[in-house]
C-alpha cells in the first residue's frame, strides 16, 4: 500500500505517460496546480507544476529511476504543505519536511529508500499544555490560547489557525483545560465550531497572513564587526552574501546562525556539498547558545537538501524554510532564515524549466527567475501579526556566482531585491583576510534607520565613527593605486600615515577569527571601542607628525601594534583604556 492509499483525500486517477528525470507527465489525472501527488508503484511524492489538456506534469521530489509509463499517479487534492507545531526545533528535515532522523530509524540505516515518509512533527508525543485564556474569553484568528515548553529556550505558543475566522471576527472560547496532549488532540473549543489543536498545516507557497509590514528599526546584531559596524542588517531585513568558491559564504552564514540575536534560527542547506551540511549537523548540537548557555539547537530548525539529493526537492526547500519561519514569527518571535545557497535553488528551477521545454531566459534560467526570488525575499520583513503581536523574519541568502562573476543573473536579480549586500572577495580570501567581505563593494541600505538604535544603545557618535572609518578606507583605496605605480616611499608623510591607520583598520577591525573563542563574537560595544582606539592612534600620530616627528618613528612605536590584539581580549574595556593611554604617552614623548 502506498502512502497515498492511506490518505482519505486521495483520488487514484491517472497513469504515467512519460518520465524525464524528476519531471513526470501523467494522463487522465484530475488535478489542480500545486496539488501533491504520489507517483508510480512506490508512491514517490511530487507536485503538479503544469496542466495542458489531458496531460498533467509533475515534479517528483525523489529519484525516479525505475519508474515507467503505465504506473499509477494518485492525487491528494491538497497543495504541498508543512506540519506546524511543537517539535520543529532541534529537528533536521529534508526539503519537503520529512524528519531525517525518524526516516533513518525506519530504514535502520543512513540510506533512505524511496517512497518512505513521516509527519514533519511527532503526532504521538505528548506536551504539557498551559492555557493563557479562559472559557468565555473572546479570541480572533491567530490569537494565542496556550503555551507548551517546546525546548529549554523556546515556549511554543498554540494559536487559533489564521483561516479559522475572518479578518476582524472574534468568537468565544467554550472549552479549554490544562493537561498533557499530543498535537492532534483538541486543547480548546471555540463557539464557531473550531477545535484548536497544537497542529497546523500551511501551504508552503502561500505567505501566512499579517496586518501590516513595518519599517524595521532594530538591527540583527551578528557579533561580526564588519557587519554590525559598517554594513548592518535590520531584524526583518534581507541580505545577500555572494562570493566564489572558498571565499567563506558558508562560514559567514554559520557565524550568523550561531551568534545573531534572533529568537529562532531556520537554516536551509539548499544544494550545498554534503560535508558542509555534515559540519552543521555535527557542530550545532554541541554548540552553546551565547545568549543563555542552552544548546544552540534548542532554537534552531535545520533543513538539509544537499547537492546529491533530488533536484526537485531543492526547489521546494526554500519555501519549506520560510513557512516554518513565518509560523514562529506569528508567535511574536524574531526569526533569522539562512539560505545556503539560492544559486543552487535557481539551478534547480533551471533544470525543471528546461525539462518542461519552457522558453529560457538569460543563461538558461527561466524567465520567471526574478519573480521567484522576489516572492521569497518579500516574505521576510518586520510585521504586525494578525494576533496583535510583532515579529520578524530576516532572510539571508548566500549566492554562488560561477567564477565569482557578480554580473550573472542570480546575483543581479538578488541585488535588485535585497537591501544589504555583503560581497565576498576571492583575493581577500587568498590573503587569509576573513571574513573576506570587500568593504568597497558591499553596502547596507538600513544604516540610516538603524543608527538611532546604535546611538541609544551603544554611543551617540556611532554613525560618525563609522563614517570616519569608511573615509579612511576609501582614501586608502585611492592611495593604493598610486603606490602600485610609484611605491609607498614616494607618498607624502601624511598619506603614508593614512595607509598605516588603514592597515590597522583592515587587520584589527575588519578581520575577525571565527575559530577563536573570544574573537568569534564581538558585541557592538567592543566594536565601537576598537574603532575609537584606532582613531586615537590616528589623532595622536597626526599630532606628532605636525610637531615634526618623522613618520618612521611614529610607525615604529611599541604601543600601536597592540591594537591587533584587542579582538582576542576578554576583558577588553580595561585593555583598551590602558592601550589608549600607552599610545598617547609614547607618541607625545617623541616631541
Protein backbone atom coordinates (compact mmCIF):
# COMPACT_ATOMS: atom_id res chain seq x y z
CA UNK A 1 0.00 0.00 0.00
CA UNK A 2 1.39 3.40 -0.93
CA UNK A 3 1.29 6.48 1.30
CA UNK A 4 -1.46 7.93 -0.83
CA UNK A 5 -3.78 4.95 -0.32
CA UNK A 6 -3.73 5.62 3.40
CA UNK A 7 -4.89 9.22 2.91
CA UNK A 8 -8.63 9.83 2.97
CA UNK A 9 -8.46 12.67 0.43
CA UNK A 10 -6.54 10.58 -2.13
CA UNK A 11 -8.10 10.10 -5.53
CA UNK A 12 -6.49 7.40 -7.73
CA UNK A 13 -6.94 8.90 -11.06
CA UNK A 14 -4.11 8.79 -13.59
CA UNK A 15 -1.26 6.90 -15.22
CA UNK A 16 2.27 7.86 -16.16
CA UNK A 17 2.76 8.74 -19.81
CA UNK A 18 6.46 9.72 -19.78
CA UNK A 19 9.39 10.24 -17.41
CA UNK A 20 12.19 12.78 -17.85
CA UNK A 21 14.37 12.84 -14.76
CA UNK A 22 12.35 14.42 -11.94
CA UNK A 23 9.62 15.53 -14.37
CA UNK A 24 6.79 13.06 -14.96
CA UNK A 25 3.88 13.50 -17.37
CA UNK A 26 0.59 11.81 -16.49
CA UNK A 27 -2.66 11.47 -18.40
CA UNK A 28 -6.23 11.32 -17.11
CA UNK A 29 -5.24 12.87 -13.77
CA UNK A 30 -7.91 15.09 -12.23
CA UNK A 31 -5.67 17.68 -10.54
CA UNK A 32 -5.09 21.38 -9.92
CA UNK A 33 -1.88 23.37 -9.96
CA UNK A 34 0.41 22.63 -6.99
CA UNK A 35 -1.55 19.57 -5.86
CA UNK A 36 0.59 16.93 -4.17
CA UNK A 37 0.50 13.58 -5.95
CA UNK A 38 2.11 10.18 -5.44
CA UNK A 39 3.80 8.74 -8.48
CA UNK A 40 4.40 5.14 -9.51
CA UNK A 41 4.07 1.84 -7.68
CA UNK A 42 6.39 3.09 -4.92
CA UNK A 43 4.31 6.22 -4.23
CA UNK A 44 7.00 8.84 -4.87
CA UNK A 45 5.96 12.29 -3.68
CA UNK A 46 5.53 15.01 -6.32
CA UNK A 47 3.78 18.28 -7.10
CA UNK A 48 1.72 19.36 -10.10
CA UNK A 49 3.53 22.16 -11.97
CA UNK A 50 1.78 22.23 -15.35
CA UNK A 51 -1.59 21.19 -16.78
CA UNK A 52 -2.18 21.14 -20.51
CA UNK A 53 -5.34 19.45 -21.73
CA UNK A 54 -5.36 15.86 -20.58
CA UNK A 55 -1.66 15.89 -19.68
CA UNK A 56 -0.51 16.85 -16.18
CA UNK A 57 3.17 17.50 -15.48
CA UNK A 58 4.56 16.62 -12.05
CA UNK A 59 7.92 17.41 -10.46
CA UNK A 60 8.90 14.46 -8.27
CA UNK A 61 10.79 15.06 -5.03
CA UNK A 62 12.57 11.71 -5.12
CA UNK A 63 14.80 9.79 -7.52
CA UNK A 64 12.70 8.46 -10.44
CA UNK A 65 15.00 5.74 -11.78
CA UNK A 66 13.00 2.58 -12.50
CA UNK A 67 9.69 4.43 -12.81
CA UNK A 68 7.99 3.83 -16.15
CA UNK A 69 4.88 4.55 -18.23
CA UNK A 70 1.65 2.89 -17.19
CA UNK A 71 2.27 3.11 -13.43
CA UNK A 72 -0.41 4.89 -11.37
CA UNK A 73 -0.42 8.55 -10.31
CA UNK A 74 -2.58 9.37 -7.31
CA UNK A 75 -3.76 12.85 -6.36
CA UNK A 76 -4.24 14.01 -2.78
CA UNK A 77 -6.15 17.12 -3.82
CA UNK A 78 -4.05 19.21 -1.41
CA UNK A 79 -1.11 21.59 -2.05
CA UNK A 80 2.38 20.95 -0.70
CA UNK A 81 2.11 21.88 2.97
CA UNK A 82 4.20 21.65 6.11
CA UNK A 83 3.24 20.33 9.52
CA UNK A 84 3.46 23.13 12.06
CA UNK A 85 3.53 22.59 15.80
CA UNK A 86 5.86 21.83 18.73
CA UNK A 87 8.77 19.61 17.78
CA UNK A 88 10.12 21.59 14.81
CA UNK A 89 13.03 22.95 16.82
CA UNK A 90 16.02 20.68 17.39
CA UNK A 91 14.92 18.83 14.25
CA UNK A 92 16.61 18.07 10.92
CA UNK A 93 14.41 17.85 7.82
CA UNK A 94 14.84 17.25 4.13
CA UNK A 95 13.49 19.68 1.52
CA UNK A 96 9.85 18.62 1.94
CA UNK A 97 9.94 18.46 5.76
CA UNK A 98 10.49 14.76 6.22
CA UNK A 99 12.38 14.27 9.52
CA UNK A 100 15.67 12.63 8.59
CA UNK A 101 16.33 11.09 12.00
CA UNK A 102 12.87 9.43 12.02
CA UNK A 103 13.36 8.11 8.49
CA UNK A 104 16.80 6.76 9.42
CA UNK A 105 15.16 4.86 12.28
CA UNK A 106 12.61 3.38 9.89
CA UNK A 107 15.30 2.27 7.45
CA UNK A 108 17.69 1.07 10.16
CA UNK A 109 20.46 2.60 8.03
CA UNK A 110 21.59 6.07 6.92
CA UNK A 111 20.44 5.33 3.35
CA UNK A 112 16.79 6.14 2.71
CA UNK A 113 14.56 4.04 0.50
CA UNK A 114 12.30 5.78 -1.96
CA UNK A 115 8.68 6.29 -1.05
CA UNK A 116 9.25 6.45 2.72
CA UNK A 117 7.50 9.24 4.58
CA UNK A 118 6.85 10.54 8.07
CA UNK A 119 4.99 13.54 9.51
CA UNK A 120 7.02 16.71 9.99
CA UNK A 121 6.30 16.60 13.72
CA UNK A 122 5.73 13.68 16.09
CA UNK A 123 1.95 13.15 16.18
CA UNK A 124 2.09 10.87 19.23
CA UNK A 125 4.41 12.75 21.60
CA UNK A 126 2.54 14.46 24.44
CA UNK A 127 3.21 18.02 25.51
CA UNK A 128 2.22 19.83 28.70
CA UNK A 129 -0.31 22.46 27.63
CA UNK A 130 -0.86 25.56 29.80
CA UNK A 131 -3.87 27.74 28.81
CA UNK A 132 -3.47 31.50 28.54
CA UNK A 133 -7.20 32.19 28.07
CA UNK A 134 -10.30 31.09 29.94
CA UNK A 135 -13.75 29.84 28.99
CA UNK A 136 -15.81 32.85 27.89
CA UNK A 137 -12.86 34.86 26.57
CA UNK A 138 -13.14 36.27 23.06
CA UNK A 139 -10.40 35.25 20.59
CA UNK A 140 -9.68 36.12 16.98
CA UNK A 141 -7.63 34.46 14.28
CA UNK A 142 -4.05 33.83 15.29
CA UNK A 143 -4.69 34.56 18.98
CA UNK A 144 -2.67 32.55 21.48
CA UNK A 145 -4.77 30.19 23.61
CA UNK A 146 -1.93 28.48 25.48
CA UNK A 147 1.76 27.60 25.60
CA UNK A 148 3.90 24.48 25.77
CA UNK A 149 7.59 24.29 26.55
CA UNK A 150 9.00 23.17 23.20
CA UNK A 151 12.63 23.38 24.30
CA UNK A 152 14.52 24.77 27.28
CA UNK A 153 14.84 28.02 25.31
CA UNK A 154 11.54 28.48 23.46
CA UNK A 155 7.93 28.45 24.61
CA UNK A 156 5.72 27.30 21.77
CA UNK A 157 2.54 29.38 21.57
CA UNK A 158 -0.58 27.50 20.49
CA UNK A 159 -2.59 29.76 18.21
CA UNK A 160 -6.04 29.81 16.66
CA UNK A 161 -5.46 28.90 12.97
CA UNK A 162 -5.45 32.09 10.88
CA UNK A 163 -8.03 30.61 8.49
CA UNK A 164 -10.46 29.64 11.28
CA UNK A 165 -12.04 33.13 11.39
CA UNK A 166 -12.50 36.06 9.06
CA UNK A 167 -10.39 39.20 9.48
CA UNK A 168 -11.70 41.17 12.48
CA UNK A 169 -14.05 38.37 13.54
CA UNK A 170 -13.94 37.04 17.11
CA UNK A 171 -15.56 34.08 18.83
CA UNK A 172 -15.89 32.76 22.35
CA UNK A 173 -13.80 30.04 23.98
CA UNK A 174 -16.29 27.36 25.05
CA UNK A 175 -13.86 24.77 26.46
CA UNK A 176 -10.17 24.73 27.41
CA UNK A 177 -8.10 22.92 30.03
CA UNK A 178 -4.52 22.32 31.04
CA UNK A 179 -3.03 18.91 30.63
CA UNK A 180 -0.90 16.57 28.61
CA UNK A 181 -1.92 16.27 24.95
CA UNK A 182 -0.48 15.10 21.67
CA UNK A 183 -0.50 17.58 18.79
CA UNK A 184 -3.65 16.16 17.16
CA UNK A 185 -5.87 16.36 20.26
CA UNK A 186 -8.19 19.29 20.82
CA UNK A 187 -6.93 21.67 23.51
CA UNK A 188 -9.60 24.36 23.07
CA UNK A 189 -13.07 24.55 21.55
CA UNK A 190 -14.49 27.76 20.07
CA UNK A 191 -18.10 28.84 19.73
CA UNK A 192 -17.90 28.88 15.92
CA UNK A 193 -17.19 25.14 15.92
CA UNK A 194 -13.40 25.33 15.56
CA UNK A 195 -11.42 22.75 17.51
CA UNK A 196 -7.95 24.13 18.26
CA UNK A 197 -5.06 21.67 18.48
CA UNK A 198 -1.29 22.19 18.60
CA UNK A 199 -1.00 21.04 14.98
CA UNK A 200 -1.50 23.26 11.94
CA UNK A 201 -0.83 22.74 8.25
CA UNK A 202 0.04 25.52 5.83
CA UNK A 203 0.77 25.56 2.07
CA UNK A 204 4.45 26.38 1.58
CA UNK A 205 3.93 28.63 -1.45
CA UNK A 206 1.43 30.87 0.34
CA UNK A 207 2.56 33.53 2.82
CA UNK A 208 0.85 33.43 6.21
CA UNK A 209 -1.40 36.46 6.74
CA UNK A 210 -0.31 39.61 8.58
CA UNK A 211 -1.83 43.01 9.33
CA UNK A 212 0.99 45.31 8.25
CA UNK A 213 4.60 45.22 7.09
CA UNK A 214 6.52 47.87 9.01
CA UNK A 215 9.85 49.62 8.65
CA UNK A 216 12.42 47.74 10.76
CA UNK A 217 14.24 49.90 13.30
CA UNK A 218 16.30 47.36 15.24
CA UNK A 219 19.50 45.69 13.99
CA UNK A 220 20.05 41.97 13.81
CA UNK A 221 23.25 42.05 15.87
CA UNK A 222 25.60 39.44 14.46
CA UNK A 223 28.75 39.84 16.54
CA UNK A 224 30.74 40.31 13.32
CA UNK A 225 32.49 43.69 13.33
CA UNK A 226 32.39 44.39 9.61
CA UNK A 227 28.66 43.60 9.53
CA UNK A 228 27.49 45.39 12.66
CA UNK A 229 29.96 48.24 12.26
CA UNK A 230 29.81 49.01 8.54
CA UNK A 231 27.01 47.04 6.84
CA UNK A 232 24.27 46.22 9.36
CA UNK A 233 21.09 44.29 8.61
CA UNK A 234 17.79 45.01 10.34
CA UNK A 235 15.58 42.48 12.09
CA UNK A 236 13.16 41.78 9.30
CA UNK A 237 15.72 42.74 6.68
CA UNK A 238 17.11 40.94 3.66
CA UNK A 239 20.74 40.31 2.78
CA UNK A 240 22.75 38.55 0.10
CA UNK A 241 26.21 37.02 0.53
CA UNK A 242 27.63 36.45 -2.95
CA UNK A 243 31.09 35.02 -3.43
CA UNK A 244 33.14 32.49 -5.38
CA UNK A 245 34.12 29.04 -4.16
CA UNK A 246 36.20 29.10 -0.97
CA UNK A 247 35.54 32.75 -0.10
CA UNK A 248 33.68 31.99 3.13
CA UNK A 249 29.94 32.16 2.34
CA UNK A 250 29.06 29.14 4.43
CA UNK A 251 31.27 30.12 7.38
CA UNK A 252 29.70 33.60 7.38
CA UNK A 253 26.23 32.02 7.47
CA UNK A 254 27.33 29.66 10.24
CA UNK A 255 28.52 32.63 12.28
CA UNK A 256 25.20 34.40 11.78
CA UNK A 257 23.27 31.27 12.70
CA UNK A 258 25.33 30.82 15.87
CA UNK A 259 25.55 34.39 17.12
CA UNK A 260 22.80 36.56 15.59
CA UNK A 261 20.43 37.80 18.29
CA UNK A 262 17.34 36.20 16.73
CA UNK A 263 14.97 34.12 18.86
CA UNK A 264 14.71 31.35 16.24
CA UNK A 265 17.14 30.18 13.55
CA UNK A 266 15.98 28.34 10.42
CA UNK A 267 19.00 27.08 8.47
CA UNK A 268 18.30 25.83 4.94
CA UNK A 269 21.15 23.94 3.28
CA UNK A 270 19.97 24.19 -0.31
CA UNK A 271 22.01 22.10 -2.72
CA UNK A 272 25.33 22.60 -0.96
CA UNK A 273 28.02 19.97 -0.51
CA UNK A 274 27.20 17.18 1.90
CA UNK A 275 30.31 17.74 4.03
CA UNK A 276 29.19 21.31 4.76
CA UNK A 277 25.79 20.15 5.99
CA UNK A 278 27.53 17.39 7.97
CA UNK A 279 29.56 20.09 9.71
CA UNK A 280 26.36 21.95 10.62
CA UNK A 281 24.60 18.81 11.80
CA UNK A 282 27.58 17.73 13.92
CA UNK A 283 28.55 21.17 15.26
CA UNK A 284 25.22 22.76 16.12
CA UNK A 285 24.07 20.17 18.72
CA UNK A 286 27.35 20.69 20.58
CA UNK A 287 27.31 24.48 20.47
CA UNK A 288 26.25 26.56 23.43
CA UNK A 289 23.84 29.40 22.81
CA UNK A 290 25.82 32.55 23.75
CA UNK A 291 22.61 34.26 24.82
CA UNK A 292 21.60 31.80 27.55
CA UNK A 293 24.05 28.88 27.74
CA UNK A 294 21.48 26.35 26.46
CA UNK A 295 22.18 24.16 23.41
CA UNK A 296 22.01 26.18 20.20
CA UNK A 297 19.77 23.55 18.58
CA UNK A 298 17.10 24.39 21.15
CA UNK A 299 16.19 27.39 18.98
CA UNK A 300 17.23 26.01 15.58
CA UNK A 301 15.48 24.09 12.82
CA UNK A 302 17.69 22.59 10.09
CA UNK A 303 16.60 21.76 6.55
CA UNK A 304 19.20 19.67 4.75
CA UNK A 305 18.95 19.30 1.00
CA UNK A 306 22.43 18.51 -0.24
CA UNK A 307 23.63 18.56 -3.84
CA UNK A 308 23.20 14.79 -4.27
CA UNK A 309 19.53 14.86 -3.21
CA UNK A 310 16.76 15.06 -5.84
CA UNK A 311 16.79 18.40 -7.61
CA UNK A 312 13.02 18.95 -7.33
CA UNK A 313 13.11 18.82 -3.53
CA UNK A 314 15.79 21.51 -3.65
CA UNK A 315 13.31 23.82 -5.38
CA UNK A 316 10.81 23.39 -2.53
CA UNK A 317 13.18 23.53 0.47
CA UNK A 318 13.37 27.34 0.40
CA UNK A 319 9.58 27.56 0.72
CA UNK A 320 9.54 24.96 3.49
CA UNK A 321 12.05 27.04 5.47
CA UNK A 322 10.30 30.39 5.04
CA UNK A 323 6.92 28.88 6.05
CA UNK A 324 8.39 27.49 9.28
CA UNK A 325 9.96 30.92 9.91
CA UNK A 326 6.62 32.69 9.38
CA UNK A 327 4.92 30.36 11.85
CA UNK A 328 7.31 31.31 14.65
CA UNK A 329 7.07 34.96 13.59
CA UNK A 330 3.32 34.75 14.21
CA UNK A 331 4.12 33.91 17.83
CA UNK A 332 5.95 37.24 18.14
CA UNK A 333 9.47 35.87 17.74
CA UNK A 334 12.31 37.32 15.68
CA UNK A 335 13.42 34.66 13.21
CA UNK A 336 16.58 34.56 11.09
CA UNK A 337 16.50 32.39 7.97
CA UNK A 338 19.79 31.32 6.37
CA UNK A 339 19.52 30.02 2.80
CA UNK A 340 22.74 28.43 1.54
CA UNK A 341 22.58 28.86 -1.36
CA UNK A 342 19.93 30.48 -3.54
CA UNK A 343 22.10 29.83 -6.61
CA UNK A 344 21.58 26.08 -6.19
CA UNK A 345 17.86 26.75 -5.80
CA UNK A 346 17.88 28.75 -9.04
CA UNK A 347 19.78 25.95 -10.77
CA UNK A 348 17.05 23.52 -9.70
CA UNK A 349 14.46 25.83 -11.24
CA UNK A 350 16.54 25.99 -14.42
CA UNK A 351 16.69 22.21 -14.69
CA UNK A 352 12.96 21.76 -14.13
CA UNK A 353 12.21 24.59 -16.58
CA UNK A 354 14.38 23.04 -19.29
CA UNK A 355 12.67 19.67 -18.90
CA UNK A 356 9.33 21.46 -19.32
CA UNK A 357 10.74 22.95 -22.54
CA UNK A 358 9.92 26.48 -21.34
CA UNK A 359 11.41 29.46 -23.14
CA UNK A 360 14.78 30.08 -21.44
CA UNK A 361 15.86 33.48 -20.17
CA UNK A 362 19.36 34.77 -19.56
CA UNK A 363 21.98 31.99 -19.24
CA UNK A 364 19.24 29.38 -19.48
CA UNK A 365 17.48 30.39 -16.26
CA UNK A 366 13.68 30.55 -16.51
CA UNK A 367 12.14 33.90 -17.42
CA UNK A 368 10.42 33.99 -14.01
CA UNK A 369 13.71 33.78 -12.03
CA UNK A 370 13.45 37.37 -10.78
CA UNK A 371 9.81 36.89 -9.78
CA UNK A 372 10.59 33.74 -7.76
CA UNK A 373 13.50 35.42 -5.98
CA UNK A 374 11.28 38.39 -5.14
CA UNK A 375 8.49 36.11 -3.85
CA UNK A 376 10.95 34.51 -1.47
CA UNK A 377 12.64 37.67 -0.14
CA UNK A 378 9.36 39.61 0.10
CA UNK A 379 8.14 37.11 2.69
CA UNK A 380 10.81 38.49 5.01
CA UNK A 381 10.06 41.64 6.99
CA UNK A 382 9.05 43.17 10.29
CA UNK A 383 5.31 42.59 10.71
CA UNK A 384 2.34 43.33 12.88
CA UNK A 385 0.75 39.90 13.14
CA UNK A 386 -2.97 39.14 13.00
CA UNK A 387 -2.96 38.47 16.76
CA UNK A 388 -1.59 41.93 17.58
CA UNK A 389 1.98 40.82 18.30
CA UNK A 390 5.02 41.95 16.36
CA UNK A 391 7.59 39.61 14.86
CA UNK A 392 10.18 39.49 12.13
CA UNK A 393 11.73 37.20 9.56
CA UNK A 394 15.23 38.15 8.39
CA UNK A 395 16.25 36.39 5.16
CA UNK A 396 19.97 35.99 4.44
CA UNK A 397 20.75 34.19 1.21
CA UNK A 398 24.14 33.05 0.01
CA UNK A 399 24.75 33.34 -3.74
CA UNK A 400 27.36 31.25 -5.56
CA UNK A 401 28.07 33.00 -8.86
CA UNK A 402 30.15 30.83 -11.23
CA UNK A 403 33.73 32.07 -11.20
CA UNK A 404 32.79 34.86 -8.80
CA UNK A 405 31.07 36.79 -11.62
CA UNK A 406 28.63 39.16 -9.92
CA UNK A 407 27.10 40.09 -13.27
CA UNK A 408 25.40 36.69 -13.64
CA UNK A 409 21.55 36.60 -13.39
CA UNK A 410 21.03 35.21 -9.87
CA UNK A 411 23.34 37.78 -8.25
CA UNK A 412 21.97 40.68 -10.28
CA UNK A 413 18.31 39.79 -9.67
CA UNK A 414 19.02 39.29 -5.96
CA UNK A 415 20.69 42.71 -5.78
CA UNK A 416 17.52 44.35 -7.07
CA UNK A 417 15.57 42.91 -4.13
CA UNK A 418 17.76 42.82 -1.02
CA UNK A 419 18.87 45.89 0.91
CA UNK A 420 22.13 44.53 2.33
CA UNK A 421 24.95 43.27 0.14
CA UNK A 422 27.97 41.52 1.66
CA UNK A 423 30.29 40.93 -1.30
CA UNK A 424 32.90 38.25 -0.65
CA UNK A 425 36.24 38.65 -2.38
CA UNK A 426 38.44 35.77 -3.57
CA UNK A 427 41.56 37.96 -3.38
CA UNK A 428 40.94 38.72 0.29
CA UNK A 429 40.32 35.03 0.97
CA UNK A 430 43.60 34.12 -0.72
CA UNK A 431 45.37 36.61 1.56
CA UNK A 432 43.68 34.90 4.55
CA UNK A 433 41.68 38.00 5.33
CA UNK A 434 38.45 36.70 6.90
CA UNK A 435 35.62 37.45 6.79
CA UNK A 436 36.58 38.22 3.19
CA UNK A 437 33.90 40.88 2.73
CA UNK A 438 35.01 43.57 0.29
CA UNK A 439 34.30 46.89 2.03
CA UNK A 440 34.42 48.78 -1.27
CA UNK A 441 31.71 46.72 -2.97
CA UNK A 442 29.43 45.95 -0.02
CA UNK A 443 26.65 48.19 1.21
CA UNK A 444 23.66 48.40 3.55
CA UNK A 445 20.56 50.49 2.91
CA UNK A 446 19.47 50.04 6.54
CA UNK A 447 22.18 52.26 8.09
CA UNK A 448 20.11 55.42 8.43
CA UNK A 449 17.13 53.70 10.04
CA UNK A 450 19.34 51.67 12.41
CA UNK A 451 21.67 54.48 13.53
CA UNK A 452 19.21 55.75 16.21
CA UNK A 453 19.25 52.29 17.85
CA UNK A 454 23.06 52.14 17.91
CA UNK A 455 23.26 55.73 19.18
CA UNK A 456 20.84 54.90 22.01
CA UNK A 457 22.24 51.50 23.00
CA UNK A 458 25.97 51.94 22.26
CA UNK A 459 27.23 55.54 21.81
CA UNK A 460 25.80 58.77 20.43
CA UNK A 461 28.56 59.20 17.85
CA UNK A 462 28.27 55.66 16.41
CA UNK A 463 27.44 56.94 12.90
CA UNK A 464 30.27 59.50 12.97
CA UNK A 465 32.85 56.87 13.93
CA UNK A 466 31.63 54.55 11.17
CA UNK A 467 31.85 57.33 8.61
CA UNK A 468 35.38 58.15 9.76
CA UNK A 469 36.43 54.54 9.17
CA UNK A 470 34.77 54.47 5.74
CA UNK A 471 36.56 57.68 4.73
CA UNK A 472 39.95 56.29 5.77
CA UNK A 473 39.35 53.05 3.84
CA UNK A 474 38.19 54.98 0.77
CA UNK A 475 41.31 57.14 0.91
CA UNK A 476 43.49 54.04 1.24
CA UNK A 477 41.91 52.55 -1.90
CA UNK A 478 42.81 55.68 -3.88
CA UNK A 479 46.35 55.79 -2.48
CA UNK A 480 46.98 52.11 -3.25
CA UNK A 481 46.60 52.85 -6.94
CA UNK A 482 49.43 55.40 -6.65
CA UNK A 483 51.54 53.05 -4.52
CA UNK A 484 51.36 50.37 -7.21
CA UNK A 485 52.77 52.86 -9.71
CA UNK A 486 55.45 54.74 -7.78
CA UNK A 487 55.86 52.93 -4.46
CA UNK A 488 54.90 53.86 -0.92
CA UNK A 489 58.04 55.91 -0.22
CA UNK A 490 57.05 58.42 -2.93
CA UNK A 491 53.97 59.47 -0.98
CA UNK A 492 53.95 62.48 1.36
CA UNK A 493 54.32 61.70 5.06
CA UNK A 494 50.65 62.35 5.87
CA UNK A 495 49.50 59.89 3.20
CA UNK A 496 51.98 57.27 4.41
CA UNK A 497 50.50 57.69 7.87
CA UNK A 498 46.96 57.33 6.49
CA UNK A 499 47.99 53.99 4.97
CA UNK A 500 49.28 52.88 8.36
CA UNK A 501 45.98 53.78 10.05
CA UNK A 502 44.07 51.97 7.30
CA UNK A 503 46.24 48.90 7.85
CA UNK A 504 45.11 48.75 11.48
CA UNK A 505 41.50 49.14 10.36
CA UNK A 506 41.89 46.20 7.99
CA UNK A 507 43.93 43.91 10.26
CA UNK A 508 42.45 44.66 13.67
CA UNK A 509 38.91 45.82 12.92
CA UNK A 510 37.75 44.21 9.67
CA UNK A 511 39.46 40.85 10.20
CA UNK A 512 37.92 38.52 12.74
CA UNK A 513 38.87 34.99 13.76
CA UNK A 514 35.77 32.77 13.64
CA UNK A 515 37.67 29.96 15.40
CA UNK A 516 38.99 31.96 18.37
CA UNK A 517 36.83 31.50 21.48
CA UNK A 518 36.81 35.26 22.20
CA UNK A 519 37.20 36.91 18.81
CA UNK A 520 34.48 34.79 17.20
CA UNK A 521 31.85 37.12 18.69
CA UNK A 522 32.30 40.86 19.12
CA UNK A 523 29.49 42.81 20.82
CA UNK A 524 28.65 46.24 19.40
CA UNK A 525 30.20 47.94 22.44
CA UNK A 526 33.55 46.27 21.73
CA UNK A 527 33.22 47.03 18.02
CA UNK A 528 32.79 50.72 18.86
CA UNK A 529 35.70 50.83 21.33
CA UNK A 530 38.06 49.15 18.85
CA UNK A 531 37.24 51.85 16.34
CA UNK A 532 37.83 54.61 18.87
CA UNK A 533 41.23 53.07 19.73
CA UNK A 534 42.32 53.19 16.10
CA UNK A 535 41.03 56.75 15.87
CA UNK A 536 43.09 57.63 18.97
CA UNK A 537 46.20 56.35 17.22
CA UNK A 538 45.23 58.36 14.11
CA UNK A 539 44.77 61.63 16.05
CA UNK A 540 47.90 61.23 18.19
CA UNK A 541 50.00 60.17 15.19
CA UNK A 542 49.00 63.19 13.12
CA UNK A 543 49.62 65.50 16.09
CA UNK A 544 53.15 64.06 16.32
CA UNK A 545 53.63 64.45 12.57
CA UNK A 546 52.65 68.12 12.76
CA UNK A 547 55.13 68.54 15.62
CA UNK A 548 57.92 67.40 13.31
CA UNK A 549 58.30 63.76 14.32
CA UNK A 550 59.46 61.62 11.35
CA UNK A 551 56.81 59.22 10.07
CA UNK A 552 59.23 56.29 10.55
CA UNK A 553 59.40 56.97 14.30
CA UNK A 554 55.61 57.18 14.54
CA UNK A 555 55.15 53.89 12.73
CA UNK A 556 57.76 52.13 14.89
CA UNK A 557 56.02 52.80 18.20
CA UNK A 558 55.65 49.81 20.53
CA UNK A 559 52.10 50.50 21.71
CA UNK A 560 50.31 50.71 18.35
CA UNK A 561 50.77 47.02 17.34
CA UNK A 562 48.79 46.06 20.44
CA UNK A 563 45.70 47.26 18.55
CA UNK A 564 45.79 43.96 16.64
CA UNK A 565 45.32 42.04 19.90
CA UNK A 566 42.14 43.81 21.05
CA UNK A 567 39.87 41.26 19.37
CA UNK A 568 41.12 38.36 21.50
CA UNK A 569 40.85 40.24 24.82
CA UNK A 570 38.04 39.04 27.06
CA UNK A 571 38.35 42.00 29.46
CA UNK A 572 38.57 44.41 26.57
CA UNK A 573 37.43 47.60 28.33
CA UNK A 574 40.40 47.70 30.71
CA UNK A 575 42.79 46.64 27.92
CA UNK A 576 41.53 49.38 25.56
CA UNK A 577 41.69 52.08 28.22
CA UNK A 578 45.29 51.13 29.04
CA UNK A 579 46.20 50.93 25.33
CA UNK A 580 44.82 54.37 24.53
CA UNK A 581 46.90 55.86 27.34
CA UNK A 582 50.01 53.99 26.18
CA UNK A 583 49.59 55.21 22.58
CA UNK A 584 49.14 58.82 23.68
CA UNK A 585 52.06 58.73 26.13
CA UNK A 586 54.50 57.13 23.68
CA UNK A 587 53.67 59.38 20.73
CA UNK A 588 53.71 62.56 22.84
CA UNK A 589 57.12 61.59 24.24
CA UNK A 590 58.52 61.90 20.72
CA UNK A 591 58.12 65.69 20.67
